[in-house]
């Protein structure tokens, strides 16, 4: 039985990895006013952040239609007996719900399971990548689902910002709302917990926020994969990635860009680290 892996574009999986592992990515939509763009298809990451900085109106994001999901499913079903779909947390997007409804409407005989990773950015991405590696190696549908559920407990992202303004304006701030009542000129570091964004640390400078991301990795005694992402600061991200490569030699490290849809809510200066591993007891 052939198993194929799909995911939404919010997992920020690098394009070369998508191609190598034959992952099908369903692009979420970004809207500037009445103009809609498919994330990573009609609008590159660089083009998006340039528009974000220069736009007077905050862009919004939208989940693809049921019909779009069905089209993707039926296309993949042409070459697969079973499909596993990894999505962003349902607490941050309606993607999981729409993807699940569409799976029930597919006419082709193909087993489809949609899994809410309860993650975002490369938290979702690393889970998807490991699932795709297992599928490529010929693992069974059931074993891949178990692997995904196992890794959902082992993946953690941290995100550093210059400002919470975009999260506030976009309405996705969640428990990080606690930061807004404090000093505005801080560099907040956020984490994911139970599928939501939570405050992790308040840093007084950009350098300290990035150092916090580096130090966060010390909480793991086994690391299977790492990811470093940026939006518009590749120099900072590359420097951080090089330090992590020295700290964890031989561990796969993925360099990625925070996608346009996530950028709607976090702004242009986000930098993130994601770890897939086991925490120290």
C-alpha atoms as a PDB file:
ATOM      1  CA  UNK A   1       0.000   0.000   0.000  1.00  0.00           C
ATOM      2  CA  UNK A   2       1.362   3.417  -0.992  1.00  0.00           C
ATOM      3  CA  UNK A   3       1.125   6.148   1.669  1.00  0.00           C
ATOM      4  CA  UNK A   4       1.492   9.806   0.710  1.00  0.00           C
ATOM      5  CA  UNK A   5       1.947  12.734   3.082  1.00  0.00           C
ATOM      6  CA  UNK A   6       0.259  16.108   2.709  1.00  0.00           C
ATOM      7  CA  UNK A   7       0.414  19.295   4.775  1.00  0.00           C
ATOM      8  CA  UNK A   8      -0.703  22.904   4.659  1.00  0.00           C
ATOM      9  CA  UNK A   9       1.822  25.600   3.808  1.00  0.00           C
ATOM     10  CA  UNK A  10       2.051  26.852   7.395  1.00  0.00           C
ATOM     11  CA  UNK A  11       4.578  24.145   8.287  1.00  0.00           C
ATOM     12  CA  UNK A  12       7.273  26.173   6.470  1.00  0.00           C
ATOM     13  CA  UNK A  13       8.956  23.061   5.047  1.00  0.00           C
ATOM     14  CA  UNK A  14      11.870  24.015   2.751  1.00  0.00           C
ATOM     15  CA  UNK A  15      11.094  23.523  -0.941  1.00  0.00           C
ATOM     16  CA  UNK A  16      13.974  21.113  -1.526  1.00  0.00           C
ATOM     17  CA  UNK A  17      12.740  18.872   1.290  1.00  0.00           C
ATOM     18  CA  UNK A  18       9.187  18.974  -0.077  1.00  0.00           C
ATOM     19  CA  UNK A  19      10.477  17.823  -3.445  1.00  0.00           C
ATOM     20  CA  UNK A  20      12.831  15.146  -2.099  1.00  0.00           C
ATOM     21  CA  UNK A  21      10.205  13.562   0.154  1.00  0.00           C
ATOM     22  CA  UNK A  22       7.310  14.048  -2.291  1.00  0.00           C
ATOM     23  CA  UNK A  23       5.201  15.978   0.207  1.00  0.00           C
ATOM     24  CA  UNK A  24       2.110  17.658  -1.219  1.00  0.00           C
ATOM     25  CA  UNK A  25       1.639  21.171   0.164  1.00  0.00           C
ATOM     26  CA  UNK A  26      -1.771  22.849   0.142  1.00  0.00           C
ATOM     27  CA  UNK A  27      -1.204  26.634   0.091  1.00  0.00           C
ATOM     28  CA  UNK A  28      -3.200  28.771   2.498  1.00  0.00           C
ATOM     29  CA  UNK A  29      -4.347  32.151   1.131  1.00  0.00           C
ATOM     30  CA  UNK A  30      -3.073  35.622   1.968  1.00  0.00           C
ATOM     31  CA  UNK A  31      -5.288  38.614   1.244  1.00  0.00           C
ATOM     32  CA  UNK A  32      -4.164  42.184   0.738  1.00  0.00           C
ATOM     33  CA  UNK A  33      -7.482  43.964   0.538  1.00  0.00           C
ATOM     34  CA  UNK A  34      -9.544  42.091  -2.051  1.00  0.00           C
ATOM     35  CA  UNK A  35      -6.543  40.505  -3.773  1.00  0.00           C
ATOM     36  CA  UNK A  36      -5.909  36.885  -2.789  1.00  0.00           C
ATOM     37  CA  UNK A  37      -2.567  35.116  -3.116  1.00  0.00           C
ATOM     38  CA  UNK A  38      -1.671  31.471  -2.607  1.00  0.00           C
ATOM     39  CA  UNK A  39       1.042  31.248   0.026  1.00  0.00           C
ATOM     40  CA  UNK A  40       4.351  30.496  -1.657  1.00  0.00           C
ATOM     41  CA  UNK A  41       2.748  30.122  -5.105  1.00  0.00           C
ATOM     42  CA  UNK A  42       1.433  33.497  -6.235  1.00  0.00           C
ATOM     43  CA  UNK A  43       3.518  35.463  -3.746  1.00  0.00           C
ATOM     44  CA  UNK A  44       7.064  34.684  -2.641  1.00  0.00           C
ATOM     45  CA  UNK A  45       8.084  35.145   0.964  1.00  0.00           C
ATOM     46  CA  UNK A  46      10.283  38.097   0.032  1.00  0.00           C
ATOM     47  CA  UNK A  47       7.476  39.775  -1.935  1.00  0.00           C
ATOM     48  CA  UNK A  48       5.067  39.274   0.940  1.00  0.00           C
ATOM     49  CA  UNK A  49       7.228  40.891   3.605  1.00  0.00           C
ATOM     50  CA  UNK A  50       7.979  43.822   1.323  1.00  0.00           C
ATOM     51  CA  UNK A  51       4.234  44.340   0.850  1.00  0.00           C
ATOM     52  CA  UNK A  52       3.601  43.850   4.584  1.00  0.00           C
ATOM     53  CA  UNK A  53       6.031  46.586   5.567  1.00  0.00           C
ATOM     54  CA  UNK A  54       4.736  49.019   2.937  1.00  0.00           C
ATOM     55  CA  UNK A  55       1.012  48.261   3.195  1.00  0.00           C
ATOM     56  CA  UNK A  56      -1.248  50.614   5.120  1.00  0.00           C
ATOM     57  CA  UNK A  57      -3.740  47.806   5.647  1.00  0.00           C
ATOM     58  CA  UNK A  58      -2.875  44.661   7.588  1.00  0.00           C
ATOM     59  CA  UNK A  59      -3.294  41.627   5.334  1.00  0.00           C
ATOM     60  CA  UNK A  60      -5.446  38.705   6.386  1.00  0.00           C
ATOM     61  CA  UNK A  61      -5.327  34.968   5.797  1.00  0.00           C
ATOM     62  CA  UNK A  62      -7.959  32.505   4.611  1.00  0.00           C
ATOM     63  CA  UNK A  63      -8.343  28.736   4.500  1.00  0.00           C
ATOM     64  CA  UNK A  64      -8.754  27.230   1.001  1.00  0.00           C
ATOM     65  CA  UNK A  65     -12.248  26.067   0.061  1.00  0.00           C
ATOM     66  CA  UNK A  66     -13.576  22.562   0.519  1.00  0.00           C
ATOM     67  CA  UNK A  67     -13.377  22.156  -3.237  1.00  0.00           C
ATOM     68  CA  UNK A  68      -9.688  23.016  -3.246  1.00  0.00           C
ATOM     69  CA  UNK A  69      -8.908  20.386  -0.620  1.00  0.00           C
ATOM     70  CA  UNK A  70     -10.966  17.811  -2.502  1.00  0.00           C
ATOM     71  CA  UNK A  71      -9.078  18.567  -5.724  1.00  0.00           C
ATOM     72  CA  UNK A  72      -5.741  18.083  -3.971  1.00  0.00           C
ATOM     73  CA  UNK A  73      -6.896  14.853  -2.324  1.00  0.00           C
ATOM     74  CA  UNK A  74      -8.178  13.361  -5.567  1.00  0.00           C
ATOM     75  CA  UNK A  75      -4.986  14.315  -7.381  1.00  0.00           C
ATOM     76  CA  UNK A  76      -2.792  12.631  -4.746  1.00  0.00           C
ATOM     77  CA  UNK A  77      -5.166   9.646  -4.623  1.00  0.00           C
ATOM     78  CA  UNK A  78      -4.223   8.910  -8.241  1.00  0.00           C
ATOM     79  CA  UNK A  79      -0.864   7.654  -6.977  1.00  0.00           C
ATOM     80  CA  UNK A  80      -1.663   6.662  -3.379  1.00  0.00           C
ATOM     81  CA  UNK A  81      -3.754   4.088  -1.568  1.00  0.00           C
ATOM     82  CA  UNK A  82      -3.646   6.034   1.694  1.00  0.00           C
ATOM     83  CA  UNK A  83      -3.090   9.697   2.570  1.00  0.00           C
ATOM     84  CA  UNK A  84      -2.075  11.318   5.840  1.00  0.00           C
ATOM     85  CA  UNK A  85      -2.586  15.085   6.151  1.00  0.00           C
ATOM     86  CA  UNK A  86      -0.792  17.178   8.787  1.00  0.00           C
ATOM     87  CA  UNK A  87      -2.299  20.565   9.656  1.00  0.00           C
ATOM     88  CA  UNK A  88      -1.674  23.618  11.792  1.00  0.00           C
ATOM     89  CA  UNK A  89      -3.319  23.715  15.227  1.00  0.00           C
ATOM     90  CA  UNK A  90      -7.101  24.042  15.051  1.00  0.00           C
ATOM     91  CA  UNK A  91      -6.815  26.746  17.736  1.00  0.00           C
ATOM     92  CA  UNK A  92      -4.996  29.000  15.273  1.00  0.00           C
ATOM     93  CA  UNK A  93      -6.752  28.210  11.999  1.00  0.00           C
ATOM     94  CA  UNK A  94      -9.800  26.538  10.492  1.00  0.00           C
ATOM     95  CA  UNK A  95      -7.574  24.437   8.238  1.00  0.00           C
ATOM     96  CA  UNK A  96      -7.995  21.194  10.195  1.00  0.00           C
ATOM     97  CA  UNK A  97     -11.791  21.435  10.146  1.00  0.00           C
ATOM     98  CA  UNK A  98     -11.968  22.167   6.419  1.00  0.00           C
ATOM     99  CA  UNK A  99      -9.409  19.494   5.575  1.00  0.00           C
ATOM    100  CA  UNK A 100     -11.365  16.935   7.624  1.00  0.00           C
ATOM    101  CA  UNK A 101     -14.692  17.790   6.008  1.00  0.00           C
ATOM    102  CA  UNK A 102     -13.164  17.592   2.548  1.00  0.00           C
ATOM    103  CA  UNK A 103     -11.657  14.165   3.301  1.00  0.00           C
ATOM    104  CA  UNK A 104     -15.161  12.801   3.859  1.00  0.00           C
ATOM    105  CA  UNK A 105     -16.281  14.043   0.432  1.00  0.00           C
ATOM    106  CA  UNK A 106     -13.556  12.516  -1.739  1.00  0.00           C
ATOM    107  CA  UNK A 107     -15.060  10.192  -4.358  1.00  0.00           C
ATOM    108  CA  UNK A 108     -11.942   8.160  -5.096  1.00  0.00           C
ATOM    109  CA  UNK A 109     -11.389   5.088  -2.942  1.00  0.00           C
ATOM    110  CA  UNK A 110      -8.498   6.268  -0.814  1.00  0.00           C
ATOM    111  CA  UNK A 111      -8.066   6.149   2.941  1.00  0.00           C
ATOM    112  CA  UNK A 112      -7.466   9.671   4.256  1.00  0.00           C
ATOM    113  CA  UNK A 113      -6.575  10.684   7.800  1.00  0.00           C
ATOM    114  CA  UNK A 114      -6.253  14.333   8.795  1.00  0.00           C
ATOM    115  CA  UNK A 115      -4.136  14.991  11.891  1.00  0.00           C
ATOM    116  CA  UNK A 116      -4.143  18.236  13.867  1.00  0.00           C
ATOM    117  CA  UNK A 117      -0.473  18.573  14.888  1.00  0.00           C
ATOM    118  CA  UNK A 118      -1.357  21.262  17.471  1.00  0.00           C
ATOM    119  CA  UNK A 119       1.670  23.081  16.083  1.00  0.00           C
ATOM    120  CA  UNK A 120       2.685  25.847  13.708  1.00  0.00           C
ATOM    121  CA  UNK A 121       5.772  26.831  11.675  1.00  0.00           C
ATOM    122  CA  UNK A 122       8.427  24.097  11.735  1.00  0.00           C
ATOM    123  CA  UNK A 123       6.764  22.467  14.731  1.00  0.00           C
ATOM    124  CA  UNK A 124       4.258  21.243  12.175  1.00  0.00           C
ATOM    125  CA  UNK A 125       7.040  21.005   9.599  1.00  0.00           C
ATOM    126  CA  UNK A 126       9.344  18.631  11.491  1.00  0.00           C
ATOM    127  CA  UNK A 127       6.430  16.328  12.309  1.00  0.00           C
ATOM    128  CA  UNK A 128       5.502  16.247   8.624  1.00  0.00           C
ATOM    129  CA  UNK A 129       9.069  15.681   7.455  1.00  0.00           C
ATOM    130  CA  UNK A 130       9.562  12.673   9.743  1.00  0.00           C
ATOM    131  CA  UNK A 131       6.241  11.234   8.577  1.00  0.00           C
ATOM    132  CA  UNK A 132       7.268  11.669   4.937  1.00  0.00           C
ATOM    133  CA  UNK A 133      10.618   9.978   5.578  1.00  0.00           C
ATOM    134  CA  UNK A 134       8.784   7.026   7.079  1.00  0.00           C
ATOM    135  CA  UNK A 135       6.384   6.873   4.130  1.00  0.00           C
ATOM    136  CA  UNK A 136       9.284   6.979   1.670  1.00  0.00           C
ATOM    137  CA  UNK A 137      10.915   4.101   3.588  1.00  0.00           C
ATOM    138  CA  UNK A 138       7.771   2.023   3.143  1.00  0.00           C
ATOM    139  CA  UNK A 139       6.318   2.209   6.653  1.00  0.00           C
ATOM    140  CA  UNK A 140       2.656   1.303   7.058  1.00  0.00           C
ATOM    141  CA  UNK A 141      -0.164   3.812   7.446  1.00  0.00           C
ATOM    142  CA  UNK A 142      -0.678   2.766  11.074  1.00  0.00           C
ATOM    143  CA  UNK A 143       2.996   3.083  11.975  1.00  0.00           C
ATOM    144  CA  UNK A 144       3.253   6.527  10.407  1.00  0.00           C
ATOM    145  CA  UNK A 145       0.224   7.720  12.367  1.00  0.00           C
ATOM    146  CA  UNK A 146       1.835   6.405  15.571  1.00  0.00           C
ATOM    147  CA  UNK A 147       5.083   8.192  14.663  1.00  0.00           C
ATOM    148  CA  UNK A 148       3.232  11.475  14.143  1.00  0.00           C
ATOM    149  CA  UNK A 149       1.406  11.150  17.462  1.00  0.00           C
ATOM    150  CA  UNK A 150       4.713  10.324  19.189  1.00  0.00           C
ATOM    151  CA  UNK A 151       6.523  13.291  17.661  1.00  0.00           C
ATOM    152  CA  UNK A 152       3.695  15.672  18.515  1.00  0.00           C
ATOM    153  CA  UNK A 153       4.808  15.228  22.142  1.00  0.00           C
ATOM    154  CA  UNK A 154       8.463  15.817  21.271  1.00  0.00           C
ATOM    155  CA  UNK A 155       8.448  18.951  19.130  1.00  0.00           C
ATOM    156  CA  UNK A 156       8.769  22.481  20.506  1.00  0.00           C
ATOM    157  CA  UNK A 157       9.131  25.823  18.704  1.00  0.00           C
ATOM    158  CA  UNK A 158      10.248  29.141  20.163  1.00  0.00           C
ATOM    159  CA  UNK A 159       9.673  32.452  18.382  1.00  0.00           C
ATOM    160  CA  UNK A 160      11.333  35.795  19.088  1.00  0.00           C
ATOM    161  CA  UNK A 161       9.818  39.106  17.950  1.00  0.00           C
ATOM    162  CA  UNK A 162      10.589  42.797  17.952  1.00  0.00           C
ATOM    163  CA  UNK A 163       6.945  43.611  18.606  1.00  0.00           C
ATOM    164  CA  UNK A 164       3.628  41.984  19.430  1.00  0.00           C
ATOM    165  CA  UNK A 165       1.762  44.553  17.374  1.00  0.00           C
ATOM    166  CA  UNK A 166       1.035  42.200  14.472  1.00  0.00           C
ATOM    167  CA  UNK A 167      -0.253  39.440  16.770  1.00  0.00           C
ATOM    168  CA  UNK A 168      -2.429  41.984  18.534  1.00  0.00           C
ATOM    169  CA  UNK A 169      -3.838  43.400  15.287  1.00  0.00           C
ATOM    170  CA  UNK A 170      -4.319  39.944  13.779  1.00  0.00           C
ATOM    171  CA  UNK A 171      -6.217  38.608  16.782  1.00  0.00           C
ATOM    172  CA  UNK A 172      -3.966  35.536  17.259  1.00  0.00           C
ATOM    173  CA  UNK A 173      -2.208  36.640  20.422  1.00  0.00           C
ATOM    174  CA  UNK A 174      -3.961  34.153  22.737  1.00  0.00           C
ATOM    175  CA  UNK A 175      -2.340  33.770  26.147  1.00  0.00           C
ATOM    176  CA  UNK A 176       0.493  36.054  25.044  1.00  0.00           C
ATOM    177  CA  UNK A 177      -1.975  38.876  25.743  1.00  0.00           C
ATOM    178  CA  UNK A 178      -0.251  38.991  29.141  1.00  0.00           C
ATOM    179  CA  UNK A 179       2.710  40.718  27.519  1.00  0.00           C
ATOM    180  CA  UNK A 180       0.658  43.676  26.348  1.00  0.00           C
ATOM    181  CA  UNK A 181       0.066  45.001  29.822  1.00  0.00           C
ATOM    182  CA  UNK A 182       3.811  45.199  30.439  1.00  0.00           C
ATOM    183  CA  UNK A 183       6.582  47.241  28.895  1.00  0.00           C
ATOM    184  CA  UNK A 184       5.949  47.692  25.189  1.00  0.00           C
ATOM    185  CA  UNK A 185       9.611  48.021  24.238  1.00  0.00           C
ATOM    186  CA  UNK A 186      10.517  44.390  24.849  1.00  0.00           C
ATOM    187  CA  UNK A 187      11.582  41.490  22.672  1.00  0.00           C
ATOM    188  CA  UNK A 188       9.090  38.785  23.575  1.00  0.00           C
ATOM    189  CA  UNK A 189       9.791  35.095  23.133  1.00  0.00           C
ATOM    190  CA  UNK A 190       6.733  32.929  22.593  1.00  0.00           C
ATOM    191  CA  UNK A 191       6.118  29.187  22.676  1.00  0.00           C
ATOM    192  CA  UNK A 192       3.352  26.767  21.761  1.00  0.00           C
ATOM    193  CA  UNK A 193       1.391  24.951  24.456  1.00  0.00           C
ATOM    194  CA  UNK A 194      -1.667  22.794  23.850  1.00  0.00           C
ATOM    195  CA  UNK A 195      -2.009  24.269  20.369  1.00  0.00           C
ATOM    196  CA  UNK A 196      -1.945  27.909  21.459  1.00  0.00           C
ATOM    197  CA  UNK A 197       0.631  30.694  21.598  1.00  0.00           C
ATOM    198  CA  UNK A 198       1.955  31.370  25.095  1.00  0.00           C
ATOM    199  CA  UNK A 199       4.483  33.813  26.566  1.00  0.00           C
ATOM    200  CA  UNK A 200       7.861  32.269  27.331  1.00  0.00           C
ATOM    201  CA  UNK A 201      10.235  35.130  28.127  1.00  0.00           C
ATOM    202  CA  UNK A 202      10.632  38.905  28.040  1.00  0.00           C
ATOM    203  CA  UNK A 203      14.002  40.068  26.786  1.00  0.00           C
ATOM    204  CA  UNK A 204      15.300  43.631  26.769  1.00  0.00           C
ATOM    205  CA  UNK A 205      17.200  43.359  23.502  1.00  0.00           C
ATOM    206  CA  UNK A 206      17.172  41.501  20.209  1.00  0.00           C
ATOM    207  CA  UNK A 207      20.504  39.861  21.031  1.00  0.00           C
ATOM    208  CA  UNK A 208      19.188  38.517  24.332  1.00  0.00           C
ATOM    209  CA  UNK A 209      16.045  37.209  22.646  1.00  0.00           C
ATOM    210  CA  UNK A 210      18.125  35.273  20.118  1.00  0.00           C
ATOM    211  CA  UNK A 211      20.367  33.992  22.902  1.00  0.00           C
ATOM    212  CA  UNK A 212      17.223  32.776  24.645  1.00  0.00           C
ATOM    213  CA  UNK A 213      16.396  30.722  21.547  1.00  0.00           C
ATOM    214  CA  UNK A 214      19.870  29.183  21.622  1.00  0.00           C
ATOM    215  CA  UNK A 215      19.718  28.430  25.351  1.00  0.00           C
ATOM    216  CA  UNK A 216      16.287  26.840  24.975  1.00  0.00           C
ATOM    217  CA  UNK A 217      17.897  23.921  23.139  1.00  0.00           C
ATOM    218  CA  UNK A 218      19.916  23.042  26.240  1.00  0.00           C
ATOM    219  CA  UNK A 219      16.778  21.599  27.789  1.00  0.00           C
ATOM    220  CA  UNK A 220      17.012  18.506  25.576  1.00  0.00           C
ATOM    221  CA  UNK A 221      19.208  15.474  26.161  1.00  0.00           C
ATOM    222  CA  UNK A 222      18.368  13.943  22.781  1.00  0.00           C
ATOM    223  CA  UNK A 223      17.764  15.965  19.631  1.00  0.00           C
ATOM    224  CA  UNK A 224      16.634  14.278  16.407  1.00  0.00           C
ATOM    225  CA  UNK A 225      16.115  17.396  14.275  1.00  0.00           C
ATOM    226  CA  UNK A 226      16.348  21.180  14.424  1.00  0.00           C
ATOM    227  CA  UNK A 227      14.947  24.058  12.427  1.00  0.00           C
ATOM    228  CA  UNK A 228      15.878  27.733  12.300  1.00  0.00           C
ATOM    229  CA  UNK A 229      13.560  30.186  10.569  1.00  0.00           C
ATOM    230  CA  UNK A 230      13.514  33.875   9.798  1.00  0.00           C
ATOM    231  CA  UNK A 231      11.361  36.311   7.858  1.00  0.00           C
ATOM    232  CA  UNK A 232      13.675  39.149   6.801  1.00  0.00           C
ATOM    233  CA  UNK A 233      16.844  38.631   8.870  1.00  0.00           C
ATOM    234  CA  UNK A 234      18.744  35.756   7.233  1.00  0.00           C
ATOM    235  CA  UNK A 235      22.091  36.877   8.660  1.00  0.00           C
ATOM    236  CA  UNK A 236      20.865  36.494  12.236  1.00  0.00           C
ATOM    237  CA  UNK A 237      19.245  33.164  11.469  1.00  0.00           C
ATOM    238  CA  UNK A 238      22.330  31.802   9.694  1.00  0.00           C
ATOM    239  CA  UNK A 239      24.544  32.789  12.623  1.00  0.00           C
ATOM    240  CA  UNK A 240      22.189  31.057  15.040  1.00  0.00           C
ATOM    241  CA  UNK A 241      22.000  27.974  12.808  1.00  0.00           C
ATOM    242  CA  UNK A 242      25.803  27.747  12.669  1.00  0.00           C
ATOM    243  CA  UNK A 243      26.023  27.852  16.461  1.00  0.00           C
ATOM    244  CA  UNK A 244      23.425  25.095  16.739  1.00  0.00           C
ATOM    245  CA  UNK A 245      25.266  22.963  14.183  1.00  0.00           C
ATOM    246  CA  UNK A 246      28.363  23.168  16.387  1.00  0.00           C
ATOM    247  CA  UNK A 247      26.319  22.339  19.467  1.00  0.00           C
ATOM    248  CA  UNK A 248      24.525  19.401  17.834  1.00  0.00           C
ATOM    249  CA  UNK A 249      26.928  17.946  15.243  1.00  0.00           C
ATOM    250  CA  UNK A 250      25.354  15.419  12.920  1.00  0.00           C
ATOM    251  CA  UNK A 251      21.774  16.444  13.759  1.00  0.00           C
ATOM    252  CA  UNK A 252      19.694  17.464  10.719  1.00  0.00           C
ATOM    253  CA  UNK A 253      19.081  21.217  10.774  1.00  0.00           C
ATOM    254  CA  UNK A 254      16.610  22.817   8.385  1.00  0.00           C
ATOM    255  CA  UNK A 255      16.832  26.487   7.401  1.00  0.00           C
ATOM    256  CA  UNK A 256      13.455  27.867   6.492  1.00  0.00           C
ATOM    257  CA  UNK A 257      11.422  31.006   6.004  1.00  0.00           C
ATOM    258  CA  UNK A 258       8.390  31.918   8.086  1.00  0.00           C
ATOM    259  CA  UNK A 259       5.598  31.772   5.538  1.00  0.00           C
ATOM    260  CA  UNK A 260       3.481  34.699   4.457  1.00  0.00           C
ATOM    261  CA  UNK A 261       0.382  33.513   6.318  1.00  0.00           C
ATOM    262  CA  UNK A 262       2.276  33.310   9.600  1.00  0.00           C
ATOM    263  CA  UNK A 263       3.948  36.599   8.756  1.00  0.00           C
ATOM    264  CA  UNK A 264       0.524  38.248   8.735  1.00  0.00           C
ATOM    265  CA  UNK A 265       0.400  37.645  12.484  1.00  0.00           C
ATOM    266  CA  UNK A 266       4.031  37.909  13.587  1.00  0.00           C
ATOM    267  CA  UNK A 267       5.496  40.646  11.437  1.00  0.00           C
ATOM    268  CA  UNK A 268       8.777  40.894   9.505  1.00  0.00           C
ATOM    269  CA  UNK A 269      11.351  40.467  12.291  1.00  0.00           C
ATOM    270  CA  UNK A 270      10.417  37.041  13.643  1.00  0.00           C
ATOM    271  CA  UNK A 271      13.133  34.445  14.172  1.00  0.00           C
ATOM    272  CA  UNK A 272      12.389  30.938  15.398  1.00  0.00           C
ATOM    273  CA  UNK A 273      13.995  27.710  16.561  1.00  0.00           C
ATOM    274  CA  UNK A 274      12.204  24.364  16.646  1.00  0.00           C
ATOM    275  CA  UNK A 275      13.515  21.219  18.331  1.00  0.00           C
ATOM    276  CA  UNK A 276      12.365  17.657  17.796  1.00  0.00           C
ATOM    277  CA  UNK A 277      13.739  15.631  20.663  1.00  0.00           C
ATOM    278  CA  UNK A 278      13.432  14.430  24.239  1.00  0.00           C
ATOM    279  CA  UNK A 279      13.587  16.842  27.148  1.00  0.00           C
ATOM    280  CA  UNK A 280      15.894  16.302  30.089  1.00  0.00           C
ATOM    281  CA  UNK A 281      14.150  14.719  33.054  1.00  0.00           C
END
